[in-house]
Amino acid sequence: MLRSDAPQNFIQIGNIDDAWRKYRGLTLLLNKRMSHGWMFSGSIAFSKAWGNFPNGYLAFSGNQNFWDPNADIFREGRLESNRPLIVKMMSTVQLPFGINLSGYFRFYSGGNFTRQVTVYFPTTVQGYRPRSSSITVNAESQGKQVAVVRIEYGFAA
């Protein structure tokens, strides 16, 4: 908790030596070209994205800065863009009268999130006013919780 008259934090524009991200993935593809009136394409991807610096909008807008020690609590873990399993399938069938019917299916797992705790400060502490009324810190490793399973599908003629 900083006092309201404390100096401003130094904001660095550039690469941070301690920041890192890693990605590992394996993708299997299957394609059948158009013949005998149909075609198919599919893929399955297994992956893991982890690090200590998220790659979402908030990371670049200043909300995940390395200069704030409160942001360092449980910083390392799976990133918000981590999708451990992605399955995609699409197909086209030729119908009479020159009509093609196409469809697709996509499945995403992942969408990690981190449980957080917000601490609210009193209006004054030992006669000083805090700079902000609260601070939020991670309560567990980054990306510990899985939030979303997403399924999409559609057809077009």
N, C-alpha and C. Protein backbone atom coordinates (compact mmCIF):
# COMPACT_ATOMS: atom_id res chain seq x y z
N MET A 1 0.86 -1.17 0.00
CA MET A 1 0.00 0.00 0.00
C MET A 1 0.90 1.23 0.00
N LEU A 2 0.82 2.04 -1.05
CA LEU A 2 1.63 3.24 -1.15
C LEU A 2 0.89 4.44 -0.58
N ARG A 3 1.63 5.32 0.06
CA ARG A 3 1.05 6.58 0.52
C ARG A 3 0.73 7.45 -0.69
N SER A 4 -0.25 8.32 -0.55
CA SER A 4 -0.65 9.17 -1.68
C SER A 4 0.47 10.13 -2.09
N ASP A 5 1.41 10.46 -1.18
CA ASP A 5 2.51 11.36 -1.55
C ASP A 5 3.78 10.60 -1.94
N ALA A 6 3.71 9.28 -2.11
CA ALA A 6 4.88 8.49 -2.53
C ALA A 6 5.22 8.80 -3.98
N PRO A 7 6.51 8.69 -4.35
CA PRO A 7 6.88 8.94 -5.76
C PRO A 7 6.21 7.95 -6.70
N GLN A 8 5.99 8.37 -7.92
CA GLN A 8 5.38 7.50 -8.92
C GLN A 8 6.33 6.36 -9.26
N ASN A 9 5.76 5.23 -9.66
CA ASN A 9 6.56 4.10 -10.09
C ASN A 9 7.22 4.40 -11.42
N PHE A 10 8.40 3.84 -11.62
CA PHE A 10 9.12 3.98 -12.89
C PHE A 10 8.51 3.03 -13.90
N ILE A 11 8.12 3.54 -15.03
CA ILE A 11 7.53 2.71 -16.08
C ILE A 11 8.56 2.54 -17.19
N GLN A 12 8.89 1.29 -17.47
CA GLN A 12 9.89 0.97 -18.48
C GLN A 12 9.19 0.65 -19.79
N ILE A 13 9.68 1.24 -20.85
CA ILE A 13 9.17 0.91 -22.18
C ILE A 13 10.27 0.13 -22.88
N GLY A 14 10.03 -1.11 -23.15
CA GLY A 14 11.04 -1.97 -23.77
C GLY A 14 10.88 -3.38 -23.25
N ASN A 15 11.85 -4.22 -23.58
CA ASN A 15 11.81 -5.61 -23.15
C ASN A 15 12.20 -5.72 -21.68
N ILE A 16 11.57 -6.64 -20.99
CA ILE A 16 11.86 -6.89 -19.58
C ILE A 16 12.65 -8.19 -19.50
N ASP A 17 13.84 -8.12 -18.90
CA ASP A 17 14.72 -9.30 -18.87
C ASP A 17 14.08 -10.50 -18.18
N ASP A 18 13.29 -10.27 -17.15
CA ASP A 18 12.72 -11.37 -16.39
C ASP A 18 11.42 -11.93 -16.97
N ALA A 19 10.88 -11.30 -17.99
CA ALA A 19 9.62 -11.77 -18.59
C ALA A 19 9.90 -12.91 -19.57
N TRP A 20 9.03 -13.92 -19.55
CA TRP A 20 9.19 -15.03 -20.49
C TRP A 20 7.86 -15.71 -20.76
N ARG A 21 7.77 -16.33 -21.93
CA ARG A 21 6.63 -17.14 -22.34
C ARG A 21 7.16 -18.34 -23.10
N LYS A 22 6.48 -19.47 -22.97
CA LYS A 22 6.86 -20.66 -23.72
C LYS A 22 5.61 -21.30 -24.31
N TYR A 23 5.81 -21.99 -25.42
CA TYR A 23 4.70 -22.67 -26.10
C TYR A 23 5.22 -23.99 -26.65
N ARG A 24 4.45 -25.02 -26.44
CA ARG A 24 4.72 -26.31 -27.07
C ARG A 24 3.42 -26.80 -27.67
N GLY A 25 3.53 -27.36 -28.87
CA GLY A 25 2.31 -27.84 -29.50
C GLY A 25 2.58 -28.92 -30.54
N LEU A 26 1.56 -29.70 -30.79
CA LEU A 26 1.58 -30.74 -31.81
C LEU A 26 0.25 -30.67 -32.54
N THR A 27 0.32 -30.58 -33.86
CA THR A 27 -0.90 -30.52 -34.67
C THR A 27 -0.91 -31.67 -35.67
N LEU A 28 -2.02 -32.38 -35.72
CA LEU A 28 -2.21 -33.46 -36.69
C LEU A 28 -3.26 -33.00 -37.69
N LEU A 29 -2.95 -33.16 -38.98
CA LEU A 29 -3.84 -32.69 -40.05
C LEU A 29 -4.31 -33.85 -40.90
N LEU A 30 -5.55 -33.74 -41.40
CA LEU A 30 -6.10 -34.72 -42.33
C LEU A 30 -6.85 -33.95 -43.40
N ASN A 31 -6.48 -34.18 -44.68
CA ASN A 31 -7.14 -33.50 -45.80
C ASN A 31 -7.52 -34.52 -46.86
N LYS A 32 -8.74 -34.42 -47.36
CA LYS A 32 -9.19 -35.19 -48.52
C LYS A 32 -9.66 -34.18 -49.55
N ARG A 33 -9.01 -34.16 -50.67
CA ARG A 33 -9.37 -33.21 -51.72
C ARG A 33 -10.71 -33.59 -52.35
N MET A 34 -11.29 -32.62 -53.03
CA MET A 34 -12.59 -32.84 -53.66
C MET A 34 -12.49 -33.95 -54.71
N SER A 35 -13.22 -35.04 -54.49
CA SER A 35 -13.36 -36.12 -55.47
C SER A 35 -14.60 -36.91 -55.08
N HIS A 36 -15.26 -37.47 -56.08
CA HIS A 36 -16.49 -38.22 -55.86
C HIS A 36 -17.54 -37.39 -55.13
N GLY A 37 -17.51 -36.08 -55.34
CA GLY A 37 -18.56 -35.20 -54.83
C GLY A 37 -18.41 -34.74 -53.39
N TRP A 38 -17.25 -34.96 -52.76
CA TRP A 38 -17.09 -34.47 -51.39
C TRP A 38 -15.62 -34.23 -51.06
N MET A 39 -15.43 -33.41 -50.03
CA MET A 39 -14.08 -33.14 -49.52
C MET A 39 -14.15 -32.99 -48.01
N PHE A 40 -13.00 -33.16 -47.36
CA PHE A 40 -12.95 -33.07 -45.89
C PHE A 40 -11.59 -32.53 -45.47
N SER A 41 -11.60 -31.75 -44.40
CA SER A 41 -10.36 -31.26 -43.80
C SER A 41 -10.56 -31.24 -42.29
N GLY A 42 -9.56 -31.69 -41.58
CA GLY A 42 -9.66 -31.71 -40.12
C GLY A 42 -8.30 -31.58 -39.47
N SER A 43 -8.30 -31.11 -38.25
CA SER A 43 -7.06 -31.01 -37.50
C SER A 43 -7.36 -31.15 -36.01
N ILE A 44 -6.35 -31.61 -35.29
CA ILE A 44 -6.41 -31.68 -33.84
C ILE A 44 -5.08 -31.15 -33.33
N ALA A 45 -5.14 -30.23 -32.39
CA ALA A 45 -3.94 -29.61 -31.85
C ALA A 45 -3.90 -29.81 -30.34
N PHE A 46 -2.75 -30.28 -29.87
CA PHE A 46 -2.48 -30.40 -28.44
C PHE A 46 -1.40 -29.36 -28.12
N SER A 47 -1.63 -28.52 -27.12
CA SER A 47 -0.66 -27.47 -26.87
C SER A 47 -0.65 -27.04 -25.41
N LYS A 48 0.38 -26.28 -25.08
CA LYS A 48 0.52 -25.69 -23.76
C LYS A 48 1.24 -24.37 -23.91
N ALA A 49 0.68 -23.31 -23.33
CA ALA A 49 1.30 -21.99 -23.33
C ALA A 49 1.42 -21.54 -21.88
N TRP A 50 2.64 -21.24 -21.44
CA TRP A 50 2.84 -20.84 -20.06
C TRP A 50 3.95 -19.80 -19.97
N GLY A 51 4.00 -19.12 -18.86
CA GLY A 51 5.02 -18.10 -18.67
C GLY A 51 4.71 -17.24 -17.47
N ASN A 52 5.39 -16.09 -17.39
CA ASN A 52 5.15 -15.17 -16.29
C ASN A 52 4.70 -13.79 -16.76
N PHE A 53 4.43 -13.67 -18.05
CA PHE A 53 3.96 -12.39 -18.59
C PHE A 53 2.84 -12.68 -19.56
N PRO A 54 1.59 -12.36 -19.22
CA PRO A 54 0.46 -12.68 -20.09
C PRO A 54 0.54 -11.96 -21.43
N ASN A 55 -0.18 -12.46 -22.40
CA ASN A 55 -0.15 -11.84 -23.73
C ASN A 55 -1.49 -11.22 -24.10
N GLY A 56 -2.34 -10.94 -23.15
CA GLY A 56 -3.60 -10.29 -23.43
C GLY A 56 -3.47 -8.77 -23.47
N TYR A 57 -4.57 -8.11 -23.71
CA TYR A 57 -4.58 -6.64 -23.80
C TYR A 57 -4.09 -5.99 -22.51
N LEU A 58 -4.52 -6.52 -21.36
CA LEU A 58 -4.16 -5.91 -20.08
C LEU A 58 -2.66 -5.93 -19.83
N ALA A 59 -1.96 -6.93 -20.39
CA ALA A 59 -0.51 -6.98 -20.19
C ALA A 59 0.18 -5.78 -20.82
N PHE A 60 -0.33 -5.32 -21.95
CA PHE A 60 0.32 -4.23 -22.66
C PHE A 60 -0.27 -2.86 -22.31
N SER A 61 -1.37 -2.85 -21.58
CA SER A 61 -1.95 -1.57 -21.19
C SER A 61 -1.46 -1.12 -19.82
N GLY A 62 -0.62 -1.92 -19.19
CA GLY A 62 -0.01 -1.50 -17.94
C GLY A 62 -0.55 -2.17 -16.71
N ASN A 63 -1.50 -3.10 -16.83
CA ASN A 63 -2.07 -3.72 -15.64
C ASN A 63 -1.25 -4.89 -15.10
N GLN A 64 -0.29 -5.38 -15.84
CA GLN A 64 0.51 -6.53 -15.40
C GLN A 64 1.99 -6.15 -15.33
N ASN A 65 2.30 -5.00 -14.82
CA ASN A 65 3.67 -4.51 -14.82
C ASN A 65 4.55 -5.25 -13.83
N PHE A 66 5.83 -5.35 -14.16
CA PHE A 66 6.80 -6.00 -13.29
C PHE A 66 7.23 -5.10 -12.14
N TRP A 67 6.95 -3.82 -12.22
CA TRP A 67 7.36 -2.92 -11.13
C TRP A 67 6.45 -2.99 -9.92
N ASP A 68 5.33 -3.62 -10.03
CA ASP A 68 4.40 -3.73 -8.90
C ASP A 68 4.62 -5.08 -8.22
N PRO A 69 5.16 -5.11 -6.99
CA PRO A 69 5.40 -6.41 -6.33
C PRO A 69 4.13 -7.20 -6.08
N ASN A 70 2.97 -6.54 -6.00
CA ASN A 70 1.72 -7.26 -5.81
C ASN A 70 1.35 -8.10 -7.03
N ALA A 71 1.80 -7.67 -8.21
CA ALA A 71 1.51 -8.43 -9.43
C ALA A 71 2.42 -9.65 -9.56
N ASP A 72 3.49 -9.72 -8.76
CA ASP A 72 4.42 -10.84 -8.84
C ASP A 72 3.95 -12.07 -8.07
N ILE A 73 2.93 -11.93 -7.25
CA ILE A 73 2.45 -13.05 -6.44
C ILE A 73 1.78 -14.08 -7.37
N PHE A 74 2.31 -15.29 -7.36
CA PHE A 74 1.82 -16.38 -8.21
C PHE A 74 1.80 -15.98 -9.69
N ARG A 75 2.80 -15.28 -10.18
CA ARG A 75 2.82 -14.77 -11.55
C ARG A 75 2.95 -15.89 -12.58
N GLU A 76 3.75 -16.92 -12.30
CA GLU A 76 4.02 -17.95 -13.31
C GLU A 76 2.86 -18.95 -13.40
N GLY A 77 2.61 -19.42 -14.61
CA GLY A 77 1.57 -20.43 -14.83
C GLY A 77 1.10 -20.42 -16.26
N ARG A 78 -0.02 -21.07 -16.52
CA ARG A 78 -0.59 -21.13 -17.87
C ARG A 78 -1.15 -19.76 -18.25
N LEU A 79 -0.94 -19.39 -19.50
CA LEU A 79 -1.37 -18.09 -19.99
C LEU A 79 -2.86 -18.10 -20.32
N GLU A 80 -3.44 -16.91 -20.37
CA GLU A 80 -4.87 -16.80 -20.65
C GLU A 80 -5.25 -17.31 -22.04
N SER A 81 -4.29 -17.32 -22.96
CA SER A 81 -4.58 -17.80 -24.31
C SER A 81 -4.31 -19.30 -24.46
N ASN A 82 -3.99 -19.99 -23.39
CA ASN A 82 -3.70 -21.42 -23.45
C ASN A 82 -4.95 -22.20 -23.84
N ARG A 83 -4.84 -22.99 -24.89
CA ARG A 83 -5.92 -23.88 -25.34
C ARG A 83 -5.32 -25.28 -25.49
N PRO A 84 -5.44 -26.14 -24.46
CA PRO A 84 -4.78 -27.45 -24.52
C PRO A 84 -5.26 -28.36 -25.65
N LEU A 85 -6.51 -28.20 -26.06
CA LEU A 85 -7.05 -29.06 -27.12
C LEU A 85 -7.90 -28.22 -28.06
N ILE A 86 -7.59 -28.30 -29.35
CA ILE A 86 -8.39 -27.64 -30.38
C ILE A 86 -8.67 -28.67 -31.47
N VAL A 87 -9.95 -28.85 -31.78
CA VAL A 87 -10.36 -29.77 -32.84
C VAL A 87 -11.14 -28.96 -33.87
N LYS A 88 -10.75 -29.11 -35.16
CA LYS A 88 -11.45 -28.41 -36.24
C LYS A 88 -11.76 -29.42 -37.35
N MET A 89 -13.00 -29.35 -37.86
CA MET A 89 -13.39 -30.19 -38.98
C MET A 89 -14.26 -29.38 -39.93
N MET A 90 -14.05 -29.58 -41.22
CA MET A 90 -14.91 -28.93 -42.21
C MET A 90 -15.04 -29.85 -43.42
N SER A 91 -16.19 -29.73 -44.08
CA SER A 91 -16.46 -30.61 -45.21
C SER A 91 -17.38 -29.90 -46.20
N THR A 92 -17.30 -30.32 -47.43
CA THR A 92 -18.18 -29.82 -48.48
C THR A 92 -18.69 -31.02 -49.30
N VAL A 93 -19.97 -30.98 -49.60
CA VAL A 93 -20.61 -32.02 -50.41
C VAL A 93 -21.25 -31.34 -51.61
N GLN A 94 -21.03 -31.90 -52.82
CA GLN A 94 -21.66 -31.37 -54.03
C GLN A 94 -23.05 -31.97 -54.18
N LEU A 95 -24.05 -31.08 -54.25
CA LEU A 95 -25.43 -31.49 -54.41
C LEU A 95 -25.85 -31.27 -55.87
N PRO A 96 -27.02 -31.76 -56.26
CA PRO A 96 -27.50 -31.52 -57.62
C PRO A 96 -27.70 -30.02 -57.90
N PHE A 97 -27.77 -29.66 -59.15
CA PHE A 97 -27.99 -28.30 -59.63
C PHE A 97 -26.84 -27.36 -59.27
N GLY A 98 -25.64 -27.89 -59.10
CA GLY A 98 -24.46 -27.06 -58.83
C GLY A 98 -24.43 -26.44 -57.45
N ILE A 99 -25.12 -27.03 -56.50
CA ILE A 99 -25.14 -26.49 -55.13
C ILE A 99 -24.12 -27.25 -54.28
N ASN A 100 -23.31 -26.48 -53.56
CA ASN A 100 -22.37 -27.07 -52.61
C ASN A 100 -22.87 -26.80 -51.19
N LEU A 101 -22.86 -27.82 -50.36
CA LEU A 101 -23.24 -27.69 -48.96
C LEU A 101 -21.98 -27.86 -48.12
N SER A 102 -21.67 -26.85 -47.31
CA SER A 102 -20.47 -26.88 -46.48
C SER A 102 -20.84 -26.76 -45.01
N GLY A 103 -20.03 -27.36 -44.18
CA GLY A 103 -20.23 -27.27 -42.74
C GLY A 103 -18.89 -27.29 -42.02
N TYR A 104 -18.90 -26.77 -40.81
CA TYR A 104 -17.67 -26.79 -40.01
C TYR A 104 -18.01 -27.04 -38.56
N PHE A 105 -17.02 -27.50 -37.82
CA PHE A 105 -17.14 -27.74 -36.39
C PHE A 105 -15.81 -27.37 -35.75
N ARG A 106 -15.86 -26.61 -34.65
CA ARG A 106 -14.64 -26.25 -33.91
C ARG A 106 -14.89 -26.47 -32.42
N PHE A 107 -13.90 -27.03 -31.76
CA PHE A 107 -13.96 -27.25 -30.31
C PHE A 107 -12.68 -26.70 -29.70
N TYR A 108 -12.83 -25.86 -28.67
CA TYR A 108 -11.68 -25.30 -27.95
C TYR A 108 -11.83 -25.65 -26.48
N SER A 109 -10.76 -26.12 -25.87
CA SER A 109 -10.75 -26.23 -24.42
C SER A 109 -9.83 -25.16 -23.87
N GLY A 110 -9.90 -24.91 -22.61
CA GLY A 110 -9.01 -23.91 -22.02
C GLY A 110 -9.76 -22.68 -21.60
N GLY A 111 -9.16 -21.53 -21.86
CA GLY A 111 -9.70 -20.28 -21.37
C GLY A 111 -9.42 -20.17 -19.88
N ASN A 112 -8.16 -20.26 -19.51
CA ASN A 112 -7.77 -20.28 -18.11
C ASN A 112 -8.01 -18.95 -17.42
N PHE A 113 -8.21 -19.02 -16.12
CA PHE A 113 -8.29 -17.80 -15.33
C PHE A 113 -7.68 -18.08 -13.96
N THR A 114 -7.46 -17.03 -13.21
CA THR A 114 -6.82 -17.12 -11.91
C THR A 114 -7.73 -16.48 -10.87
N ARG A 115 -7.98 -17.18 -9.79
CA ARG A 115 -8.75 -16.59 -8.70
C ARG A 115 -7.90 -15.51 -8.02
N GLN A 116 -8.54 -14.40 -7.69
CA GLN A 116 -7.83 -13.28 -7.09
C GLN A 116 -8.52 -12.82 -5.81
N VAL A 117 -7.76 -12.12 -4.99
CA VAL A 117 -8.27 -11.55 -3.75
C VAL A 117 -8.06 -10.05 -3.81
N THR A 118 -9.08 -9.28 -3.46
CA THR A 118 -8.97 -7.82 -3.40
C THR A 118 -8.95 -7.39 -1.94
N VAL A 119 -7.94 -6.61 -1.59
CA VAL A 119 -7.79 -6.08 -0.24
C VAL A 119 -8.16 -4.61 -0.28
N TYR A 120 -9.10 -4.20 0.56
CA TYR A 120 -9.53 -2.80 0.63
C TYR A 120 -8.87 -2.13 1.82
N PHE A 121 -8.31 -0.94 1.59
CA PHE A 121 -7.60 -0.21 2.64
C PHE A 121 -8.52 0.76 3.35
N PRO A 122 -8.22 1.08 4.60
CA PRO A 122 -8.97 2.14 5.28
C PRO A 122 -8.64 3.50 4.65
N THR A 123 -9.43 4.50 4.95
CA THR A 123 -9.20 5.83 4.34
C THR A 123 -7.90 6.45 4.80
N THR A 124 -7.46 6.14 6.02
CA THR A 124 -6.14 6.62 6.49
C THR A 124 -5.47 5.50 7.28
N VAL A 125 -4.14 5.43 7.18
CA VAL A 125 -3.34 4.48 7.94
C VAL A 125 -2.22 5.27 8.59
N GLN A 126 -2.19 5.30 9.89
CA GLN A 126 -1.21 6.06 10.67
C GLN A 126 -1.14 7.52 10.20
N GLY A 127 -2.28 8.07 9.89
CA GLY A 127 -2.37 9.47 9.49
C GLY A 127 -2.11 9.74 8.02
N TYR A 128 -1.80 8.73 7.22
CA TYR A 128 -1.54 8.91 5.79
C TYR A 128 -2.67 8.31 4.96
N ARG A 129 -2.98 8.97 3.85
CA ARG A 129 -3.99 8.46 2.92
C ARG A 129 -3.30 7.54 1.91
N PRO A 130 -3.85 6.35 1.68
CA PRO A 130 -3.25 5.48 0.66
C PRO A 130 -3.50 6.02 -0.74
N ARG A 131 -2.60 5.68 -1.67
CA ARG A 131 -2.72 6.13 -3.06
C ARG A 131 -3.96 5.56 -3.73
N SER A 132 -4.28 4.32 -3.44
CA SER A 132 -5.49 3.71 -4.01
C SER A 132 -6.30 3.10 -2.87
N SER A 133 -7.55 2.81 -3.14
CA SER A 133 -8.43 2.29 -2.10
C SER A 133 -8.33 0.78 -1.95
N SER A 134 -7.70 0.09 -2.93
CA SER A 134 -7.60 -1.36 -2.85
C SER A 134 -6.44 -1.86 -3.71
N ILE A 135 -6.11 -3.12 -3.51
CA ILE A 135 -5.12 -3.79 -4.37
C ILE A 135 -5.62 -5.22 -4.59
N THR A 136 -5.39 -5.75 -5.78
CA THR A 136 -5.82 -7.11 -6.11
C THR A 136 -4.59 -7.97 -6.35
N VAL A 137 -4.55 -9.14 -5.73
CA VAL A 137 -3.43 -10.07 -5.89
C VAL A 137 -3.96 -11.45 -6.27
N ASN A 138 -3.12 -12.24 -6.92
CA ASN A 138 -3.49 -13.60 -7.29
C ASN A 138 -3.55 -14.47 -6.04
N ALA A 139 -4.57 -15.32 -5.95
CA ALA A 139 -4.72 -16.24 -4.84
C ALA A 139 -4.19 -17.63 -5.16
N GLU A 140 -3.78 -17.85 -6.41
CA GLU A 140 -3.24 -19.14 -6.84
C GLU A 140 -2.40 -18.90 -8.09
N SER A 141 -1.73 -19.94 -8.54
CA SER A 141 -0.88 -19.82 -9.73
C SER A 141 -1.68 -19.33 -10.92
N GLN A 142 -1.05 -18.55 -11.76
CA GLN A 142 -1.70 -17.99 -12.94
C GLN A 142 -2.26 -19.11 -13.81
N GLY A 143 -3.52 -18.98 -14.26
CA GLY A 143 -4.15 -19.94 -15.15
C GLY A 143 -4.50 -21.26 -14.51
N LYS A 144 -4.61 -21.30 -13.21
CA LYS A 144 -4.89 -22.56 -12.49
C LYS A 144 -6.29 -23.11 -12.81
N GLN A 145 -7.26 -22.24 -13.02
CA GLN A 145 -8.64 -22.65 -13.26
C GLN A 145 -8.96 -22.66 -14.75
N VAL A 146 -9.73 -23.65 -15.20
CA VAL A 146 -10.17 -23.71 -16.59
C VAL A 146 -11.59 -23.18 -16.66
N ALA A 147 -11.79 -22.17 -17.50
CA ALA A 147 -13.06 -21.46 -17.51
C ALA A 147 -14.02 -21.94 -18.58
N VAL A 148 -13.52 -22.26 -19.76
CA VAL A 148 -14.41 -22.34 -20.91
C VAL A 148 -14.13 -23.58 -21.75
N VAL A 149 -15.18 -24.19 -22.20
CA VAL A 149 -15.13 -25.12 -23.32
C VAL A 149 -16.03 -24.51 -24.37
N ARG A 150 -15.49 -24.26 -25.54
CA ARG A 150 -16.24 -23.55 -26.58
C ARG A 150 -16.45 -24.45 -27.78
N ILE A 151 -17.68 -24.51 -28.26
CA ILE A 151 -18.03 -25.29 -29.44
C ILE A 151 -18.71 -24.38 -30.44
N GLU A 152 -18.26 -24.44 -31.69
CA GLU A 152 -18.88 -23.67 -32.76
C GLU A 152 -19.19 -24.62 -33.91
N TYR A 153 -20.25 -24.33 -34.62
CA TYR A 153 -20.58 -25.10 -35.82
C TYR A 153 -21.45 -24.25 -36.74
N GLY A 154 -21.50 -24.63 -37.99
CA GLY A 154 -22.32 -23.88 -38.94
C GLY A 154 -22.42 -24.60 -40.26
N PHE A 155 -23.39 -24.18 -41.09
CA PHE A 155 -23.62 -24.73 -42.42
C PHE A 155 -23.87 -23.62 -43.39
N ALA A 156 -23.50 -23.83 -44.63
CA ALA A 156 -23.77 -22.87 -45.69
C ALA A 156 -24.02 -23.61 -46.99
N ALA A 157 -24.88 -23.08 -47.81
CA ALA A 157 -25.14 -23.69 -49.11
C ALA A 157 -24.88 -22.68 -50.20
